[in-house]
Protein backbone atom coordinates (compact mmCIF):
# COMPACT_ATOMS: atom_id res chain seq x y z
CA MET A 1 -189.84 33.70 -123.34
CA ALA A 2 -186.83 34.76 -121.36
CA GLU A 3 -186.82 38.09 -123.26
CA ARG A 4 -190.41 38.51 -122.79
CA ALA A 5 -190.13 38.05 -119.15
CA GLY A 6 -187.05 40.13 -118.80
CA VAL A 7 -184.90 37.20 -117.20
CA SER A 8 -182.32 34.76 -118.34
CA GLU A 9 -182.91 31.43 -119.87
CA ALA A 10 -181.45 29.90 -116.71
CA THR A 11 -184.10 31.68 -114.67
CA VAL A 12 -186.92 30.46 -116.98
CA SER A 13 -185.59 26.81 -116.55
CA ARG A 14 -185.68 27.16 -112.74
CA VAL A 15 -189.13 28.40 -112.53
CA LEU A 16 -190.56 25.80 -114.94
CA ASN A 17 -188.83 23.15 -113.15
CA ASN A 18 -189.59 24.60 -109.61
CA VAL A 19 -185.88 24.18 -108.69
CA GLY A 20 -184.44 26.25 -105.75
CA PRO A 21 -185.52 29.58 -104.20
CA MET A 22 -186.60 32.44 -106.47
CA LYS A 23 -188.54 35.74 -105.94
CA GLU A 24 -192.15 35.42 -106.40
CA GLU A 25 -192.33 38.43 -108.71
CA THR A 26 -189.86 36.71 -111.04
CA ARG A 27 -191.93 33.35 -110.94
CA ARG A 28 -195.13 35.20 -111.87
CA ARG A 29 -193.37 37.18 -114.86
CA VAL A 30 -191.96 33.80 -116.24
CA LEU A 31 -195.34 31.99 -115.87
CA ALA A 32 -197.22 35.00 -117.56
CA ALA A 33 -194.85 34.86 -120.42
CA ALA A 34 -195.21 31.15 -120.70
CA GLY A 35 -199.05 31.64 -120.91
CA GLU A 36 -198.91 34.49 -123.46
CA LEU A 37 -196.44 32.42 -125.76
CA GLY A 38 -198.82 29.34 -125.41
CA TYR A 39 -196.11 27.16 -123.63
CA THR A 40 -196.77 24.98 -120.78
CA PRO A 41 -194.34 24.08 -118.15
CA SER A 42 -194.46 20.35 -118.88
CA SER A 43 -193.48 20.88 -122.56
CA LEU A 44 -190.59 23.30 -121.67
CA ALA A 45 -189.33 21.27 -118.78
CA ARG A 46 -188.12 18.47 -121.18
CA SER A 47 -185.74 21.01 -122.88
CA PHE A 48 -184.16 21.90 -119.60
CA ALA A 49 -183.89 18.39 -118.41
CA ARG A 50 -180.32 18.70 -117.38
CA ARG A 51 -181.39 21.10 -114.43
CA ARG A 52 -181.38 18.82 -111.38
CA SER A 53 -179.82 20.28 -108.18
CA GLY A 54 -180.35 24.12 -108.18
CA ASN A 55 -176.73 24.50 -106.90
CA LEU A 56 -174.00 26.33 -108.56
CA GLY A 57 -170.84 24.69 -107.24
CA VAL A 58 -167.78 26.89 -106.24
CA ILE A 59 -164.65 24.61 -106.05
CA MET A 60 -161.90 26.03 -103.89
CA PRO A 61 -158.58 24.81 -102.58
CA ASN A 62 -158.43 23.60 -99.12
CA LEU A 63 -155.54 25.33 -97.43
CA PRO A 64 -154.94 24.25 -93.88
CA LYS A 65 -154.93 27.23 -91.36
CA ALA A 66 -155.66 29.70 -94.17
CA ARG A 67 -158.52 32.00 -93.62
CA LEU A 68 -159.80 31.90 -97.23
CA PHE A 69 -163.03 33.70 -96.67
CA SER A 70 -161.32 36.64 -95.07
CA ALA A 71 -158.73 36.95 -97.98
CA TYR A 72 -159.63 39.81 -100.21
CA TYR A 73 -159.15 37.65 -103.34
CA PHE A 74 -161.61 34.91 -102.52
CA SER A 75 -164.18 37.06 -100.67
CA GLU A 76 -164.49 39.50 -103.62
CA ILE A 77 -164.86 36.58 -106.13
CA LEU A 78 -167.33 34.82 -104.03
CA SER A 79 -169.19 38.09 -103.53
CA GLY A 80 -169.57 38.38 -107.28
CA ILE A 81 -170.43 34.74 -107.87
CA GLY A 82 -173.05 34.97 -105.10
CA SER A 83 -174.60 38.08 -106.31
CA LYS A 84 -175.24 36.62 -109.72
CA ALA A 85 -176.45 33.30 -108.27
CA ARG A 86 -179.11 34.80 -106.10
CA GLU A 87 -180.18 36.92 -109.28
CA GLU A 88 -180.67 33.66 -111.07
CA GLY A 89 -182.24 31.70 -108.22
CA TYR A 90 -179.33 29.43 -107.60
CA ASP A 91 -177.87 28.21 -104.22
CA LEU A 92 -174.16 28.25 -103.86
CA LEU A 93 -172.48 24.96 -102.98
CA VAL A 94 -168.90 25.72 -101.73
CA ILE A 95 -166.73 22.62 -102.19
CA PHE A 96 -163.10 22.36 -100.79
CA ARG A 97 -160.78 20.06 -102.71
CA ASP A 98 -157.65 18.54 -101.01
CA SER A 99 -154.41 19.35 -102.92
CA ASP A 100 -153.09 16.07 -102.04
CA GLU A 101 -155.85 14.15 -103.93
CA PRO A 102 -156.45 14.20 -107.62
CA PRO A 103 -159.62 16.31 -108.33
CA ASP A 104 -162.61 14.70 -109.66
CA TYR A 105 -164.88 17.47 -111.20
CA CYS A 106 -166.87 15.18 -113.25
CA GLY A 107 -168.05 13.28 -110.19
CA LEU A 108 -169.89 16.40 -108.89
CA PHE A 109 -172.08 16.33 -112.15
CA ARG A 110 -172.47 12.44 -112.00
CA MET A 111 -173.74 12.66 -108.45
CA ARG A 112 -176.10 15.53 -109.43
CA LYS A 113 -174.72 17.79 -106.81
CA VAL A 114 -174.34 20.77 -109.06
CA ASP A 115 -175.85 22.15 -112.40
CA ALA A 116 -172.56 24.02 -113.08
CA CYS A 117 -169.31 24.88 -111.39
CA ILE A 118 -166.73 27.42 -111.09
CA ILE A 119 -163.28 26.41 -110.13
CA LEU A 120 -160.85 28.54 -108.22
CA GLY A 121 -157.23 28.00 -107.43
CA THR A 122 -156.30 25.61 -110.28
CA LYS A 123 -152.65 25.03 -111.12
CA GLU A 124 -150.62 23.92 -114.00
CA GLU A 125 -150.23 20.50 -112.66
CA PRO A 126 -150.56 17.23 -114.68
CA GLY A 127 -153.35 15.72 -112.40
CA GLU A 128 -155.27 19.03 -112.49
CA LEU A 129 -154.83 19.36 -116.10
CA ALA A 130 -156.17 15.76 -116.73
CA ALA A 131 -159.15 16.27 -114.59
CA LEU A 132 -160.01 19.79 -116.35
CA ARG A 133 -159.56 17.94 -119.81
CA LEU A 134 -162.15 15.34 -118.86
CA LEU A 135 -164.61 17.84 -117.41
CA HIS A 136 -164.30 19.76 -120.79
CA GLU A 137 -164.45 16.76 -122.96
CA GLU A 138 -167.68 15.48 -121.24
CA GLY A 139 -169.31 18.97 -121.96
CA HIS A 140 -170.12 19.86 -118.42
CA PRO A 141 -170.77 23.48 -117.64
CA TYR A 142 -167.84 24.98 -115.77
CA CYS A 143 -165.73 27.95 -115.70
CA LEU A 144 -162.24 28.77 -114.35
CA ILE A 145 -161.40 32.18 -112.76
CA ASN A 146 -157.95 33.83 -112.80
CA GLN A 147 -156.26 30.86 -114.32
CA HIS A 148 -155.74 30.08 -117.96
CA PHE A 149 -154.30 27.08 -119.64
CA ALA A 150 -152.65 28.00 -123.19
CA ALA A 151 -154.10 26.08 -126.25
CA GLU A 152 -156.59 24.04 -124.05
CA GLY A 153 -159.78 25.99 -124.99
CA PHE A 154 -161.21 25.78 -121.39
CA HIS A 155 -164.04 28.13 -120.22
CA GLU A 156 -162.15 30.93 -118.58
CA VAL A 157 -162.48 34.29 -117.03
CA ASP A 158 -159.42 36.23 -116.34
CA ALA A 159 -157.77 39.69 -115.74
CA ASP A 160 -155.08 41.19 -117.93
CA HIS A 161 -152.18 40.33 -115.46
CA VAL A 162 -149.54 41.00 -118.16
CA ALA A 163 -150.85 44.64 -118.56
CA GLY A 164 -151.04 45.05 -114.76
CA ALA A 165 -147.47 44.02 -113.89
CA ARG A 166 -146.30 45.99 -116.89
CA GLN A 167 -148.15 49.21 -115.51
CA ALA A 168 -146.56 48.64 -112.02
CA THR A 169 -143.12 48.32 -113.53
CA GLU A 170 -143.39 51.23 -115.82
CA HIS A 171 -144.68 53.55 -112.88
CA LEU A 172 -141.30 52.73 -111.20
CA LEU A 173 -139.25 53.32 -114.30
CA GLU A 174 -140.97 56.60 -115.04
CA GLN A 175 -139.43 57.92 -111.76
CA GLY A 176 -135.91 57.15 -112.95
CA LEU A 177 -135.71 53.92 -111.03
CA ARG A 178 -133.77 51.07 -112.78
CA ARG A 179 -132.93 48.41 -110.29
CA ILE A 180 -136.33 46.90 -109.89
CA ALA A 181 -137.05 43.72 -108.10
CA PHE A 182 -139.90 41.37 -108.45
CA LEU A 183 -141.52 39.30 -105.82
CA ASN A 184 -143.69 36.74 -107.51
CA GLY A 185 -146.07 33.97 -106.59
CA PRO A 186 -145.58 30.27 -107.44
CA ALA A 187 -145.05 29.66 -111.33
CA ALA A 188 -147.74 26.93 -111.24
CA TYR A 189 -150.38 29.68 -111.48
CA SER A 190 -150.79 31.45 -114.91
CA ASN A 191 -151.29 34.94 -113.27
CA SER A 192 -147.84 34.55 -111.73
CA ARG A 193 -146.31 33.78 -115.16
CA ASP A 194 -148.39 36.61 -116.69
CA ARG A 195 -147.13 39.15 -114.24
CA LEU A 196 -143.46 38.11 -114.74
CA CYS A 197 -143.99 38.56 -118.48
CA GLY A 198 -145.44 42.14 -117.92
CA TYR A 199 -142.53 43.05 -115.57
CA GLU A 200 -139.93 41.73 -118.05
CA SER A 201 -141.61 43.42 -121.06
CA ALA A 202 -141.51 46.72 -119.30
CA LEU A 203 -137.82 46.33 -118.50
CA ALA A 204 -137.20 45.25 -122.09
CA ALA A 205 -138.98 48.44 -123.48
CA ALA A 206 -136.65 50.56 -121.26
CA GLY A 207 -133.48 48.57 -122.48
CA LEU A 208 -132.98 46.61 -119.30
CA LEU A 209 -132.45 42.96 -118.64
CA PRO A 210 -134.11 41.21 -115.74
CA ASP A 211 -131.52 40.52 -112.99
CA PRO A 212 -131.94 36.98 -111.78
CA ALA A 213 -130.83 38.03 -108.23
CA LEU A 214 -133.76 40.44 -108.15
CA LEU A 215 -136.35 37.75 -109.03
CA LEU A 216 -137.85 36.53 -105.75
CA GLU A 217 -140.66 34.22 -105.04
CA GLY A 218 -143.20 33.78 -102.35
CA ASN A 219 -146.63 31.96 -101.88
CA PHE A 220 -149.07 34.83 -101.88
CA SER A 221 -149.20 34.97 -98.12
CA ARG A 222 -148.11 37.90 -95.73
CA ARG A 223 -145.66 35.65 -94.07
CA SER A 224 -143.75 34.92 -97.27
CA GLY A 225 -143.48 38.70 -98.03
CA TYR A 226 -142.38 39.19 -94.47
CA GLU A 227 -139.71 36.60 -94.92
CA ALA A 228 -138.56 38.13 -98.30
CA ALA A 229 -137.79 41.29 -96.34
CA LYS A 230 -134.48 39.69 -95.28
CA THR A 231 -133.31 39.12 -98.98
CA VAL A 232 -134.47 42.61 -99.79
CA ALA A 233 -132.70 44.34 -96.91
CA ALA A 234 -129.45 42.37 -97.80
CA GLN A 235 -129.64 44.08 -101.27
CA LEU A 236 -130.90 47.42 -100.34
CA GLU A 237 -128.11 49.14 -102.01
CA ARG A 238 -129.05 47.43 -105.18
CA ILE A 239 -132.79 47.55 -104.92
CA GLU A 240 -134.51 50.79 -105.64
CA GLY A 241 -138.15 49.45 -106.03
CA LEU A 242 -140.18 46.33 -106.00
CA VAL A 243 -143.22 45.09 -107.78
CA VAL A 244 -145.06 42.51 -105.72
CA ALA A 245 -147.57 40.03 -107.07
CA ASN A 246 -150.19 40.68 -104.39
CA ASP A 247 -150.90 42.94 -101.51
CA ARG A 248 -150.65 40.44 -98.73
CA MET A 249 -146.86 39.86 -99.73
CA ALA A 250 -146.29 43.49 -100.22
CA ILE A 251 -147.76 44.44 -96.68
CA GLY A 252 -145.60 41.60 -95.11
CA LEU A 253 -142.55 42.97 -97.02
CA GLN A 254 -143.28 46.51 -95.57
CA GLN A 255 -143.67 45.09 -92.09
CA GLY A 256 -140.50 42.98 -92.36
CA LEU A 257 -138.39 45.98 -93.61
CA ARG A 258 -139.57 48.25 -90.81
CA GLU A 259 -138.69 45.49 -88.21
CA LEU A 260 -135.19 45.25 -89.62
CA GLY A 261 -134.67 48.73 -89.09
CA ILE A 262 -135.15 50.16 -92.44
CA THR A 263 -136.22 53.87 -92.06
CA PRO A 264 -138.80 55.45 -94.48
CA GLU A 265 -136.12 57.39 -96.18
CA ARG A 266 -134.25 54.18 -97.08
CA MET A 267 -137.49 52.12 -97.91
CA PRO A 268 -137.41 51.13 -101.55
CA ALA A 269 -140.60 52.09 -103.74
CA ILE A 270 -143.21 49.31 -103.58
CA VAL A 271 -146.22 48.42 -105.70
CA GLY A 272 -148.53 45.77 -104.66
CA TYR A 273 -151.22 43.99 -106.59
CA ASP A 274 -155.02 43.35 -106.29
CA ASP A 275 -155.74 46.85 -104.55
CA SER A 276 -157.23 45.10 -101.52
CA ASP A 277 -159.00 47.09 -98.72
CA ALA A 278 -155.92 46.87 -96.65
CA ALA A 279 -153.79 48.62 -99.42
CA GLU A 280 -154.92 52.11 -98.19
CA LEU A 281 -154.54 51.36 -94.54
CA THR A 282 -150.69 50.49 -94.56
CA VAL A 283 -148.19 53.22 -93.60
CA PRO A 284 -147.16 54.45 -96.18
CA ALA A 285 -150.34 53.55 -98.16
CA LEU A 286 -149.58 50.90 -100.72
CA SER A 287 -149.71 51.71 -104.38
CA SER A 288 -151.45 48.65 -106.05
CA VAL A 289 -152.82 47.18 -109.27
CA ARG A 290 -156.55 46.98 -109.13
CA VAL A 291 -158.08 43.68 -110.26
CA PRO A 292 -161.83 43.64 -110.63
CA PHE A 293 -162.39 40.42 -108.67
CA PHE A 294 -166.15 40.95 -108.04
CA ASP A 295 -166.69 41.40 -111.76
CA LEU A 296 -164.69 38.40 -112.50
CA GLY A 297 -167.00 36.30 -110.17
CA ALA A 298 -170.30 37.78 -111.46
CA ILE A 299 -169.26 37.40 -115.06
CA ALA A 300 -168.22 33.89 -114.61
CA ALA A 301 -171.46 32.98 -112.87
CA ALA A 302 -173.53 34.62 -115.39
CA ARG A 303 -171.70 32.99 -118.38
CA VAL A 304 -171.42 29.50 -116.85
CA LEU A 305 -175.31 29.44 -115.98
CA GLU A 306 -176.09 29.93 -119.64
CA LEU A 307 -174.08 26.80 -120.66
CA PRO A 308 -176.52 24.16 -119.20
CA GLU A 309 -179.10 25.16 -121.96
CA LEU A 310 -176.72 23.74 -124.52
CA ASP A 311 -176.09 20.19 -125.43
CA ALA A 312 -172.75 18.60 -124.44
CA ASP A 313 -171.26 19.31 -127.80
CA LYS A 314 -172.27 22.94 -127.89
CA CYS A 315 -171.32 23.31 -124.21
CA ARG A 316 -167.78 21.91 -124.95
CA ASN A 317 -167.28 24.09 -128.09
CA GLN A 318 -168.88 27.37 -127.10
CA ALA A 319 -165.92 28.66 -125.01
CA ILE A 320 -166.09 31.25 -122.47
CA SER A 321 -163.20 33.41 -122.88
CA VAL A 322 -163.18 36.85 -120.95
CA LYS A 323 -160.13 39.06 -119.97
CA LEU A 324 -161.07 42.22 -117.87
CA PRO A 325 -158.55 45.13 -117.64
CA THR A 326 -156.43 46.17 -114.62
CA ARG A 327 -155.62 49.57 -113.39
CA LEU A 328 -152.73 50.95 -111.33
CA ILE A 329 -153.69 52.94 -108.17
CA VAL A 330 -150.76 55.06 -107.13
CA ARG A 331 -150.40 55.89 -103.44
CA ALA A 332 -147.38 56.92 -101.24
CA SER A 333 -145.47 53.68 -101.13
CA SER A 334 -144.28 53.88 -104.67
CA ILE A 335 -143.28 57.50 -104.87
CA LYS A 336 -139.49 57.58 -104.61
CA THR A 337 -137.44 60.05 -106.81
CA LYS A 338 -134.04 58.58 -107.80
CA GLU A 339 -131.30 60.59 -106.07
CA GLU A 340 -128.77 62.24 -108.34
């Protein structure tokens, strides 16, 4: 029926169960297809009995004083999720979780608040891992974005951050730079570990070992990049270039170095990560690794909304595993030829 109506099975379910808003044209197409195939809404509704709320939940970390919706990372992912949710006739229910409390993802399904959920900002922590294992074991439809857990078999949509960081590092190495620092995010995030792996693999291919003194850590905020500028400035004779794990830290780093009196001629080559809108507005414009955050959100929403049609065992075992490519965008900030 879904194929005949030109919609997804999730949309068929919503029409037949009259759950949530939807386009009138879509409703008419589904009902027409049901009539042509001899189905009645009452008989089909039983096969979609798990559909209860009409909500696609998006679970986000609650970070005090952080403007999450203005952050490029979250805004782009949410735009992708929202676009697909509207197409499928779902409402978004945004849920903030407190990092100080153990997550209870299964409770959202038991209370019938959501039909499926997408989880952002997960970390490699015991409480988080236990909650995700229970969510997976109970067979609820969920998906993680931009975080993966090795050997767990969780439903995940991610980007190739190993390749992204490797591209950024290789770009600096190709200019003859050798003393390349890395400003990373917290190791609790898999994308931080993946970026470190890409950075180290590029160095290894060039016959270089990572220098522990050049491995710096921030928390993805502009402020942490700004504060790292002091460490970078103190080692400026040693540091020729930097790979930075997101644009916000890279922009903070640029600002901090300027305020410390580092002139454009002495500024190290810098590559950011995410290719946010702000990357083109910095002076000099920031080279950055482009991550398709909108697509991550849209694909995660599309795939997770297919899972409720399955029973718990199939939902648990039919893993979502998607990894999208990244691409280096070169701008003025990373162009720095090594002096002879």
